[in-house]
PDB file of N, CA and C in Angstrom:
ATOM      1  N   MET A   1      36.829  55.299 163.816  1.00  0.00           N
ATOM      2  CA  MET A   1      36.470  56.340 162.860  1.00  0.00           C
ATOM      3  C   MET A   1      37.412  56.244 161.655  1.00  0.00           C
ATOM      4  N   LYS A   2      36.852  56.240 160.483  1.00  0.00           N
ATOM      5  CA  LYS A   2      37.645  56.157 159.266  1.00  0.00           C
ATOM      6  C   LYS A   2      38.304  57.504 158.967  1.00  0.00           C
ATOM      7  N   ARG A   3      39.583  57.451 158.622  1.00  0.00           N
ATOM      8  CA  ARG A   3      40.341  58.659 158.301  1.00  0.00           C
ATOM      9  C   ARG A   3      39.960  59.152 156.915  1.00  0.00           C
ATOM     10  N   LYS A   4      39.766  60.448 156.804  1.00  0.00           N
ATOM     11  CA  LYS A   4      39.445  61.068 155.520  1.00  0.00           C
ATOM     12  C   LYS A   4      40.679  61.051 154.632  1.00  0.00           C
ATOM     13  N   ASN A   5      40.478  60.775 153.354  1.00  0.00           N
ATOM     14  CA  ASN A   5      41.573  60.768 152.396  1.00  0.00           C
ATOM     15  C   ASN A   5      41.745  62.178 151.837  1.00  0.00           C
ATOM     16  N   VAL A   6      42.591  62.940 152.492  1.00  0.00           N
ATOM     17  CA  VAL A   6      42.827  64.331 152.108  1.00  0.00           C
ATOM     18  C   VAL A   6      44.323  64.515 151.864  1.00  0.00           C
ATOM     19  N   HIS A   7      44.658  65.087 150.720  1.00  0.00           N
ATOM     20  CA  HIS A   7      46.053  65.450 150.426  1.00  0.00           C
ATOM     21  C   HIS A   7      46.117  66.966 150.500  1.00  0.00           C
ATOM     22  N   ILE A   8      46.411  67.479 151.685  1.00  0.00           N
ATOM     23  CA  ILE A   8      46.322  68.914 151.938  1.00  0.00           C
ATOM     24  C   ILE A   8      47.277  69.723 151.068  1.00  0.00           C
ATOM     25  N   GLY A   9      48.423  69.170 150.732  1.00  0.00           N
ATOM     26  CA  GLY A   9      49.363  69.896 149.870  1.00  0.00           C
ATOM     27  C   GLY A   9      48.776  70.188 148.506  1.00  0.00           C
ATOM     28  N   ASN A  10      48.083  69.196 147.940  1.00  0.00           N
ATOM     29  CA  ASN A  10      47.415  69.414 146.648  1.00  0.00           C
ATOM     30  C   ASN A  10      46.334  70.470 146.756  1.00  0.00           C
ATOM     31  N   ILE A  11      45.611  70.452 147.859  1.00  0.00           N
ATOM     32  CA  ILE A  11      44.535  71.428 148.055  1.00  0.00           C
ATOM     33  C   ILE A  11      45.107  72.833 148.176  1.00  0.00           C
ATOM     34  N   ILE A  12      46.176  72.980 148.919  1.00  0.00           N
ATOM     35  CA  ILE A  12      46.825  74.289 149.069  1.00  0.00           C
ATOM     36  C   ILE A  12      47.293  74.802 147.709  1.00  0.00           C
ATOM     37  N   ARG A  13      47.935  73.930 146.946  1.00  0.00           N
ATOM     38  CA  ARG A  13      48.410  74.309 145.608  1.00  0.00           C
ATOM     39  C   ARG A  13      47.253  74.751 144.723  1.00  0.00           C
ATOM     40  N   LEU A  14      46.159  74.008 144.751  1.00  0.00           N
ATOM     41  CA  LEU A  14      44.988  74.318 143.935  1.00  0.00           C
ATOM     42  C   LEU A  14      44.366  75.657 144.330  1.00  0.00           C
ATOM     43  N   ILE A  15      44.240  75.897 145.624  1.00  0.00           N
ATOM     44  CA  ILE A  15      43.667  77.166 146.092  1.00  0.00           C
ATOM     45  C   ILE A  15      44.561  78.337 145.696  1.00  0.00           C
ATOM     46  N   MET A  16      45.867  78.157 145.813  1.00  0.00           N
ATOM     47  CA  MET A  16      46.783  79.213 145.385  1.00  0.00           C
ATOM     48  C   MET A  16      46.591  79.528 143.903  1.00  0.00           C
ATOM     49  N   GLN A  17      46.463  78.498 143.088  1.00  0.00           N
ATOM     50  CA  GLN A  17      46.252  78.696 141.652  1.00  0.00           C
ATOM     51  C   GLN A  17      44.932  79.418 141.398  1.00  0.00           C
ATOM     52  N   GLN A  18      43.876  78.997 142.077  1.00  0.00           N
ATOM     53  CA  GLN A  18      42.555  79.605 141.888  1.00  0.00           C
ATOM     54  C   GLN A  18      42.560  81.074 142.287  1.00  0.00           C
ATOM     55  N   LYS A  19      43.305  81.410 143.317  1.00  0.00           N
ATOM     56  CA  LYS A  19      43.341  82.787 143.813  1.00  0.00           C
ATOM     57  C   LYS A  19      44.432  83.619 143.142  1.00  0.00           C
ATOM     58  N   GLY A  20      45.219  83.003 142.294  1.00  0.00           N
ATOM     59  CA  GLY A  20      46.280  83.723 141.597  1.00  0.00           C
ATOM     60  C   GLY A  20      47.432  84.130 142.500  1.00  0.00           C
ATOM     61  N   ILE A  21      47.684  83.343 143.541  1.00  0.00           N
ATOM     62  CA  ILE A  21      48.782  83.638 144.465  1.00  0.00           C
ATOM     63  C   ILE A  21      50.026  82.899 143.977  1.00  0.00           C
ATOM     64  N   SER A  22      51.065  83.637 143.709  1.00  0.00           N
ATOM     65  CA  SER A  22      52.297  83.018 143.211  1.00  0.00           C
ATOM     66  C   SER A  22      53.045  82.329 144.356  1.00  0.00           C
ATOM     67  N   ILE A  23      53.903  81.427 143.986  1.00  0.00           N
ATOM     68  CA  ILE A  23      54.727  80.726 144.971  1.00  0.00           C
ATOM     69  C   ILE A  23      55.632  81.719 145.689  1.00  0.00           C
ATOM     70  N   THR A  24      56.153  82.680 144.968  1.00  0.00           N
ATOM     71  CA  THR A  24      57.019  83.699 145.562  1.00  0.00           C
ATOM     72  C   THR A  24      56.255  84.534 146.584  1.00  0.00           C
ATOM     73  N   ASP A  25      55.039  84.959 146.245  1.00  0.00           N
ATOM     74  CA  ASP A  25      54.231  85.750 147.183  1.00  0.00           C
ATOM     75  C   ASP A  25      53.873  84.942 148.424  1.00  0.00           C
ATOM     76  N   PHE A  26      53.465  83.685 148.222  1.00  0.00           N
ATOM     77  CA  PHE A  26      53.119  82.832 149.350  1.00  0.00           C
ATOM     78  C   PHE A  26      54.342  82.627 150.254  1.00  0.00           C
ATOM     79  N   ALA A  27      55.485  82.334 149.654  1.00  0.00           N
ATOM     80  CA  ALA A  27      56.709  82.109 150.428  1.00  0.00           C
ATOM     81  C   ALA A  27      57.065  83.345 151.248  1.00  0.00           C
ATOM     82  N   SER A  28      56.890  84.506 150.668  1.00  0.00           N
ATOM     83  CA  SER A  28      57.182  85.747 151.375  1.00  0.00           C
ATOM     84  C   SER A  28      56.267  85.913 152.591  1.00  0.00           C
ATOM     85  N   LYS A  29      54.981  85.651 152.410  1.00  0.00           N
ATOM     86  CA  LYS A  29      54.013  85.799 153.503  1.00  0.00           C
ATOM     87  C   LYS A  29      54.172  84.703 154.559  1.00  0.00           C
ATOM     88  N   TYR A  30      54.623  83.539 154.148  1.00  0.00           N
ATOM     89  CA  TYR A  30      54.814  82.406 155.063  1.00  0.00           C
ATOM     90  C   TYR A  30      56.198  82.451 155.730  1.00  0.00           C
ATOM     91  N   HIS A  31      57.042  83.364 155.248  1.00  0.00           N
ATOM     92  CA  HIS A  31      58.409  83.539 155.751  1.00  0.00           C
ATOM     93  C   HIS A  31      59.247  82.272 155.551  1.00  0.00           C
ATOM     94  N   CYS A  32      59.224  81.807 154.303  1.00  0.00           N
ATOM     95  CA  CYS A  32      60.044  80.647 153.937  1.00  0.00           C
ATOM     96  C   CYS A  32      60.546  80.855 152.517  1.00  0.00           C
ATOM     97  N   ASN A  33      61.287  79.898 152.000  1.00  0.00           N
ATOM     98  CA  ASN A  33      61.752  80.005 150.623  1.00  0.00           C
ATOM     99  C   ASN A  33      60.843  79.184 149.694  1.00  0.00           C
ATOM    100  N   ARG A  34      61.027  79.365 148.413  1.00  0.00           N
ATOM    101  CA  ARG A  34      60.191  78.681 147.422  1.00  0.00           C
ATOM    102  C   ARG A  34      60.306  77.157 147.532  1.00  0.00           C
ATOM    103  N   THR A  35      61.489  76.670 147.856  1.00  0.00           N
ATOM    104  CA  THR A  35      61.695  75.230 147.995  1.00  0.00           C
ATOM    105  C   THR A  35      60.779  74.659 149.075  1.00  0.00           C
ATOM    106  N   HIS A  36      60.609  75.394 150.163  1.00  0.00           N
ATOM    107  CA  HIS A  36      59.735  74.921 151.241  1.00  0.00           C
ATOM    108  C   HIS A  36      58.264  74.897 150.780  1.00  0.00           C
ATOM    109  N   VAL A  37      57.885  75.825 149.953  1.00  0.00           N
ATOM    110  CA  VAL A  37      56.507  75.827 149.431  1.00  0.00           C
ATOM    111  C   VAL A  37      56.269  74.559 148.613  1.00  0.00           C
ATOM    112  N   TYR A  38      57.215  74.185 147.787  1.00  0.00           N
ATOM    113  CA  TYR A  38      57.080  72.939 147.022  1.00  0.00           C
ATOM    114  C   TYR A  38      57.025  71.731 147.958  1.00  0.00           C
ATOM    115  N   TYR A  39      57.743  71.790 149.060  1.00  0.00           N
ATOM    116  CA  TYR A  39      57.688  70.734 150.074  1.00  0.00           C
ATOM    117  C   TYR A  39      56.274  70.650 150.666  1.00  0.00           C
ATOM    118  N   ILE A  40      55.669  71.789 150.950  1.00  0.00           N
ATOM    119  CA  ILE A  40      54.295  71.818 151.477  1.00  0.00           C
ATOM    120  C   ILE A  40      53.345  71.148 150.492  1.00  0.00           C
ATOM    121  N   PHE A  41      53.495  71.423 149.200  1.00  0.00           N
ATOM    122  CA  PHE A  41      52.622  70.832 148.177  1.00  0.00           C
ATOM    123  C   PHE A  41      52.666  69.307 148.184  1.00  0.00           C
ATOM    124  N   LYS A  42      53.776  68.726 148.610  1.00  0.00           N
ATOM    125  CA  LYS A  42      53.933  67.267 148.608  1.00  0.00           C
ATOM    126  C   LYS A  42      53.329  66.596 149.841  1.00  0.00           C
ATOM    127  N   GLN A  43      52.964  67.391 150.843  1.00  0.00           N
ATOM    128  CA  GLN A  43      52.515  66.838 152.118  1.00  0.00           C
ATOM    129  C   GLN A  43      51.054  66.402 152.099  1.00  0.00           C
ATOM    130  N   ARG A  44      50.810  65.179 152.580  1.00  0.00           N
ATOM    131  CA  ARG A  44      49.437  64.687 152.760  1.00  0.00           C
ATOM    132  C   ARG A  44      48.856  65.225 154.064  1.00  0.00           C
ATOM    133  N   ASP A  45      49.715  65.423 155.044  1.00  0.00           N
ATOM    134  CA  ASP A  45      49.310  65.897 156.368  1.00  0.00           C
ATOM    135  C   ASP A  45      50.097  67.152 156.713  1.00  0.00           C
ATOM    136  N   ILE A  46      49.551  67.898 157.668  1.00  0.00           N
ATOM    137  CA  ILE A  46      50.216  69.139 158.073  1.00  0.00           C
ATOM    138  C   ILE A  46      49.874  69.415 159.533  1.00  0.00           C
ATOM    139  N   TYR A  47      50.806  69.990 160.253  1.00  0.00           N
ATOM    140  CA  TYR A  47      50.543  70.378 161.633  1.00  0.00           C
ATOM    141  C   TYR A  47      49.458  71.453 161.656  1.00  0.00           C
ATOM    142  N   ILE A  48      48.613  71.407 162.678  1.00  0.00           N
ATOM    143  CA  ILE A  48      47.496  72.352 162.777  1.00  0.00           C
ATOM    144  C   ILE A  48      47.982  73.798 162.848  1.00  0.00           C
ATOM    145  N   LYS A  49      49.101  74.043 163.533  1.00  0.00           N
ATOM    146  CA  LYS A  49      49.604  75.428 163.617  1.00  0.00           C
ATOM    147  C   LYS A  49      49.998  75.951 162.240  1.00  0.00           C
ATOM    148  N   ASP A  50      50.543  75.072 161.406  1.00  0.00           N
ATOM    149  CA  ASP A  50      50.893  75.471 160.046  1.00  0.00           C
ATOM    150  C   ASP A  50      49.638  75.646 159.194  1.00  0.00           C
ATOM    151  N   LEU A  51      48.659  74.785 159.402  1.00  0.00           N
ATOM    152  CA  LEU A  51      47.394  74.890 158.677  1.00  0.00           C
ATOM    153  C   LEU A  51      46.734  76.238 158.957  1.00  0.00           C
ATOM    154  N   ILE A  52      46.753  76.664 160.205  1.00  0.00           N
ATOM    155  CA  ILE A  52      46.151  77.947 160.586  1.00  0.00           C
ATOM    156  C   ILE A  52      46.898  79.105 159.935  1.00  0.00           C
ATOM    157  N   ARG A  53      48.227  79.043 159.928  1.00  0.00           N
ATOM    158  CA  ARG A  53      49.022  80.097 159.265  1.00  0.00           C
ATOM    159  C   ARG A  53      48.669  80.185 157.782  1.00  0.00           C
ATOM    160  N   ILE A  54      48.564  79.031 157.136  1.00  0.00           N
ATOM    161  CA  ILE A  54      48.270  78.992 155.705  1.00  0.00           C
ATOM    162  C   ILE A  54      46.853  79.476 155.437  1.00  0.00           C
ATOM    163  N   GLU A  55      45.910  79.113 156.310  1.00  0.00           N
ATOM    164  CA  GLU A  55      44.532  79.598 156.155  1.00  0.00           C
ATOM    165  C   GLU A  55      44.488  81.124 156.161  1.00  0.00           C
ATOM    166  N   LYS A  56      45.250  81.740 157.034  1.00  0.00           N
ATOM    167  CA  LYS A  56      45.272  83.206 157.105  1.00  0.00           C
ATOM    168  C   LYS A  56      45.853  83.810 155.824  1.00  0.00           C
ATOM    169  N   ILE A  57      46.898  83.203 155.308  1.00  0.00           N
ATOM    170  CA  ILE A  57      47.527  83.716 154.084  1.00  0.00           C
ATOM    171  C   ILE A  57      46.583  83.569 152.896  1.00  0.00           C
ATOM    172  N   LEU A  58      45.922  82.411 152.794  1.00  0.00           N
ATOM    173  CA  LEU A  58      45.048  82.138 151.649  1.00  0.00           C
ATOM    174  C   LEU A  58      43.627  82.650 151.851  1.00  0.00           C
ATOM    175  N   ASP A  59      43.322  83.102 153.069  1.00  0.00           N
ATOM    176  CA  ASP A  59      41.977  83.573 153.413  1.00  0.00           C
ATOM    177  C   ASP A  59      40.930  82.521 153.041  1.00  0.00           C
ATOM    178  N   CYS A  60      41.109  81.325 153.602  1.00  0.00           N
ATOM    179  CA  CYS A  60      40.176  80.234 153.344  1.00  0.00           C
ATOM    180  C   CYS A  60      40.161  79.271 154.528  1.00  0.00           C
ATOM    181  N   ASP A  61      39.191  78.378 154.536  1.00  0.00           N
ATOM    182  CA  ASP A  61      39.028  77.395 155.603  1.00  0.00           C
ATOM    183  C   ASP A  61      39.507  76.035 155.108  1.00  0.00           C
ATOM    184  N   LEU A  62      40.740  75.700 155.419  1.00  0.00           N
ATOM    185  CA  LEU A  62      41.303  74.421 154.981  1.00  0.00           C
ATOM    186  C   LEU A  62      40.837  73.257 155.845  1.00  0.00           C
ATOM    187  N   LEU A  63      40.468  73.541 157.074  1.00  0.00           N
ATOM    188  CA  LEU A  63      40.016  72.486 157.969  1.00  0.00           C
ATOM    189  C   LEU A  63      38.764  71.793 157.440  1.00  0.00           C
ATOM    190  N   GLN A  64      37.966  72.508 156.664  1.00  0.00           N
ATOM    191  CA  GLN A  64      36.745  71.925 156.100  1.00  0.00           C
ATOM    192  C   GLN A  64      37.036  70.679 155.263  1.00  0.00           C
ATOM    193  N   TYR A  65      38.202  70.627 154.649  1.00  0.00           N
ATOM    194  CA  TYR A  65      38.547  69.484 153.815  1.00  0.00           C
ATOM    195  C   TYR A  65      38.731  68.219 154.652  1.00  0.00           C
ATOM    196  N   TYR A  66      39.185  68.375 155.882  1.00  0.00           N
ATOM    197  CA  TYR A  66      39.302  67.231 156.778  1.00  0.00           C
ATOM    198  C   TYR A  66      37.936  66.847 157.346  1.00  0.00           C
ATOM    199  N   ILE A  67      37.148  67.844 157.701  1.00  0.00           N
ATOM    200  CA  ILE A  67      35.843  67.587 158.312  1.00  0.00           C
ATOM    201  C   ILE A  67      34.878  66.962 157.307  1.00  0.00           C
ATOM    202  N   GLU A  68      34.839  67.513 156.122  1.00  0.00           N
ATOM    203  CA  GLU A  68      33.888  67.051 155.106  1.00  0.00           C
ATOM    204  C   GLU A  68      34.462  65.982 154.203  1.00  0.00           C
ATOM    205  N   GLY A  69      35.759  65.712 154.331  1.00  0.00           N
ATOM    206  CA  GLY A  69      36.380  64.695 153.505  1.00  0.00           C
ATOM    207  C   GLY A  69      36.550  65.109 152.058  1.00  0.00           C
ATOM    208  N   LYS A  70      36.502  66.429 151.809  1.00  0.00           N
ATOM    209  CA  LYS A  70      36.695  66.931 150.456  1.00  0.00           C
ATOM    210  C   LYS A  70      38.137  66.729 150.047  1.00  0.00           C
ATOM    211  N   ASP A  71      38.354  66.587 148.750  1.00  0.00           N
ATOM    212  CA  ASP A  71      39.709  66.515 148.220  1.00  0.00           C
ATOM    213  C   ASP A  71      39.658  67.002 146.792  1.00  0.00           C
ATOM    214  N   ASP A  72      40.824  67.141 146.195  1.00  0.00           N
ATOM    215  CA  ASP A  72      40.895  67.641 144.825  1.00  0.00           C
ATOM    216  C   ASP A  72      40.921  66.511 143.807  1.00  0.00           C
ATOM    217  N   GLY A  73      40.571  65.299 144.246  1.00  0.00           N
ATOM    218  CA  GLY A  73      40.497  64.188 143.315  1.00  0.00           C
ATOM    219  C   GLY A  73      41.711  63.302 143.303  1.00  0.00           C
ATOM    220  N   ASP A  74      42.755  63.669 143.996  1.00  0.00           N
ATOM    221  CA  ASP A  74      43.980  62.867 144.022  1.00  0.00           C
ATOM    222  C   ASP A  74      43.801  61.675 144.952  1.00  0.00           C
TER     223      ASP A  74
END
């Protein structure tokens, strides 16, 4: 099975921008610091438990990007 080319960090960053969620607000809800949020943005892959936490914060389905092979063009 061919692996989908998904850069989840870029997708998370894009969704945050679209929803108007600041890095500070996201970091507060994720219980981390701003530096860690920037680290998340750089990640191509993410643990499923972290993906689920982020989905709840952003109120969106991030798993769809892996299933459908969607990406933000990167």
